[in-house]
């Protein structure tokens, strides 16, 4: 009597573990970071100095990113949205499982928008599921 009961408990625990792993692998695991970038284009050489946004998808399922940008670092809730995608950038777009995608904005356009490029920088992406994922605050440029 005890052996079938024990086998049933082990089988139930194994099934629960498989369901947990299956759900965990298919859930969105997107992380965002703000970086320094210097794009280099074939034939024209280096571009302008930029702040980059990198989205790393650590899940198996693709995640669609619909918009990207930076938080204003002036104490308000305002945001800078990327309006046009630079040549070669892969955000916004679909970030396949176990890959990353990148885009950037030049320091000139960020400063024109009012961002203090010497302050704490927070990048963000918004997914098709209307989830906003933000980077950790970081200093990318010192005076």
Protein backbone atom coordinates (compact mmCIF):
# COMPACT_ATOMS: atom_id res chain seq x y z
CA UNK A 1 0.00 0.00 0.00
CA UNK A 2 2.81 2.42 0.85
CA UNK A 3 4.78 1.78 -2.35
CA UNK A 4 1.97 2.86 -4.78
CA UNK A 5 1.28 5.93 -2.63
CA UNK A 6 4.97 6.88 -2.60
CA UNK A 7 5.22 6.31 -6.38
CA UNK A 8 2.16 8.53 -6.88
CA UNK A 9 3.71 11.34 -4.80
CA UNK A 10 6.99 11.12 -6.73
CA UNK A 11 5.11 11.12 -10.05
CA UNK A 12 3.03 14.13 -8.99
CA UNK A 13 6.13 16.04 -7.88
CA UNK A 14 7.89 15.26 -11.17
CA UNK A 15 4.86 16.48 -13.16
CA UNK A 16 4.65 19.68 -11.10
CA UNK A 17 8.37 20.33 -11.72
CA UNK A 18 7.97 19.80 -15.49
CA UNK A 19 5.03 22.24 -15.60
CA UNK A 20 7.01 24.84 -13.61
CA UNK A 21 10.05 24.53 -15.93
CA UNK A 22 7.86 24.66 -19.06
CA UNK A 23 6.08 27.85 -17.90
CA UNK A 24 9.32 29.46 -16.68
CA UNK A 25 11.12 28.88 -20.01
CA UNK A 26 8.29 30.39 -22.03
CA UNK A 27 7.74 33.46 -19.88
CA UNK A 28 9.25 36.76 -20.98
CA UNK A 29 12.68 37.35 -19.40
CA UNK A 30 13.72 40.63 -21.00
CA UNK A 31 16.41 42.77 -19.40
CA UNK A 32 17.41 46.26 -20.54
CA UNK A 33 20.70 48.11 -20.22
CA UNK A 34 21.94 51.56 -21.18
CA UNK A 35 25.35 51.60 -22.87
CA UNK A 36 27.87 53.83 -24.62
CA UNK A 37 28.08 53.22 -28.37
CA UNK A 38 30.14 54.49 -31.25
CA UNK A 39 28.51 53.13 -34.41
CA UNK A 40 30.93 52.40 -37.25
CA UNK A 41 29.51 52.27 -40.77
CA UNK A 42 31.21 50.54 -43.70
CA UNK A 43 32.69 53.09 -46.07
CA UNK A 44 32.01 56.14 -43.90
CA UNK A 45 33.87 55.29 -40.70
CA UNK A 46 32.75 56.09 -37.15
CA UNK A 47 29.47 57.85 -36.55
CA UNK A 48 28.55 60.17 -33.67
CA UNK A 49 28.90 59.18 -30.02
CA UNK A 50 25.64 57.62 -28.81
CA UNK A 51 23.85 56.19 -25.83
CA UNK A 52 22.57 52.72 -26.63
CA UNK A 53 19.63 50.67 -25.48
CA UNK A 54 20.18 46.92 -25.36
CA UNK A 55 17.41 44.39 -24.73
CA UNK A 56 18.47 40.85 -23.82
CA UNK A 57 15.82 38.12 -24.12
CA UNK A 58 16.81 35.26 -21.81
CA UNK A 59 13.69 33.20 -22.52
CA UNK A 60 12.99 30.78 -25.36
CA UNK A 61 10.01 32.76 -26.70
CA UNK A 62 10.32 35.87 -28.87
CA UNK A 63 9.32 39.23 -27.38
CA UNK A 64 8.05 42.10 -29.52
CA UNK A 65 9.40 45.51 -28.48
CA UNK A 66 7.21 48.34 -29.78
CA UNK A 67 8.95 51.44 -28.42
CA UNK A 68 12.23 52.44 -26.77
CA UNK A 69 13.72 55.48 -25.13
CA UNK A 70 15.23 57.10 -22.06
CA UNK A 71 13.73 58.59 -18.90
CA UNK A 72 14.32 62.29 -18.45
CA UNK A 73 16.66 62.73 -15.50
CA UNK A 74 15.27 66.10 -14.39
CA UNK A 75 12.99 64.79 -11.64
CA UNK A 76 9.89 64.60 -13.86
CA UNK A 77 8.09 61.56 -15.27
CA UNK A 78 8.80 62.65 -18.86
CA UNK A 79 10.35 60.27 -21.36
CA UNK A 80 12.36 60.57 -24.55
CA UNK A 81 10.95 58.31 -27.27
CA UNK A 82 12.97 57.16 -30.25
CA UNK A 83 10.99 58.37 -33.25
CA UNK A 84 13.13 57.03 -36.10
CA UNK A 85 15.14 53.82 -36.07
CA UNK A 86 18.79 54.35 -37.05
CA UNK A 87 20.26 52.24 -39.88
CA UNK A 88 21.37 48.86 -38.57
CA UNK A 89 19.45 49.07 -35.29
CA UNK A 90 17.36 46.05 -34.29
CA UNK A 91 15.05 47.82 -31.82
CA UNK A 92 12.12 48.32 -31.89
CA UNK A 93 11.31 44.90 -33.27
CA UNK A 94 11.11 41.25 -32.32
CA UNK A 95 13.81 40.00 -29.95
CA UNK A 96 14.04 36.26 -30.49
CA UNK A 97 14.72 33.87 -27.64
CA UNK A 98 18.27 33.81 -26.28
CA UNK A 99 19.31 36.86 -28.34
CA UNK A 100 19.69 40.60 -27.86
CA UNK A 101 18.75 43.65 -29.87
CA UNK A 102 20.17 47.17 -29.84
CA UNK A 103 19.37 50.70 -30.86
CA UNK A 104 20.91 54.08 -30.09
CA UNK A 105 20.36 57.82 -29.95
CA UNK A 106 23.10 60.39 -30.49
CA UNK A 107 24.22 62.56 -27.59
CA UNK A 108 23.27 65.64 -29.64
CA UNK A 109 19.65 64.56 -30.04
CA UNK A 110 19.42 63.55 -26.37
CA UNK A 111 20.83 66.89 -25.21
CA UNK A 112 18.47 68.77 -27.58
CA UNK A 113 15.60 66.89 -25.93
CA UNK A 114 16.81 68.13 -22.53
CA UNK A 115 18.54 65.02 -21.14
CA UNK A 116 21.51 65.66 -18.85
CA UNK A 117 23.96 63.24 -20.49
CA UNK A 118 26.31 63.54 -17.50
CA UNK A 119 23.58 62.45 -15.06
CA UNK A 120 22.08 59.10 -14.18
CA UNK A 121 20.69 57.41 -17.31
CA UNK A 122 17.73 54.97 -17.40
CA UNK A 123 16.80 53.26 -20.67
CA UNK A 124 13.45 51.55 -21.20
CA UNK A 125 11.58 49.39 -23.70
CA UNK A 126 7.83 48.81 -24.00
CA UNK A 127 6.66 45.42 -25.25
CA UNK A 128 3.60 44.50 -27.29
CA UNK A 129 2.08 43.26 -24.01
CA UNK A 130 2.34 46.90 -22.77
CA UNK A 131 5.03 45.96 -20.24
CA UNK A 132 7.70 48.59 -19.61
CA UNK A 133 11.11 47.21 -18.72
CA UNK A 134 13.70 49.66 -17.42
CA UNK A 135 17.46 49.49 -17.02
CA UNK A 136 19.27 50.11 -13.78
CA UNK A 137 20.31 53.78 -13.43
CA UNK A 138 23.86 54.24 -14.65
CA UNK A 139 26.35 57.02 -15.34
CA UNK A 140 27.60 56.75 -18.93
CA UNK A 141 29.47 60.04 -19.23
CA UNK A 142 31.48 62.11 -16.78
CA UNK A 143 32.12 65.85 -17.09
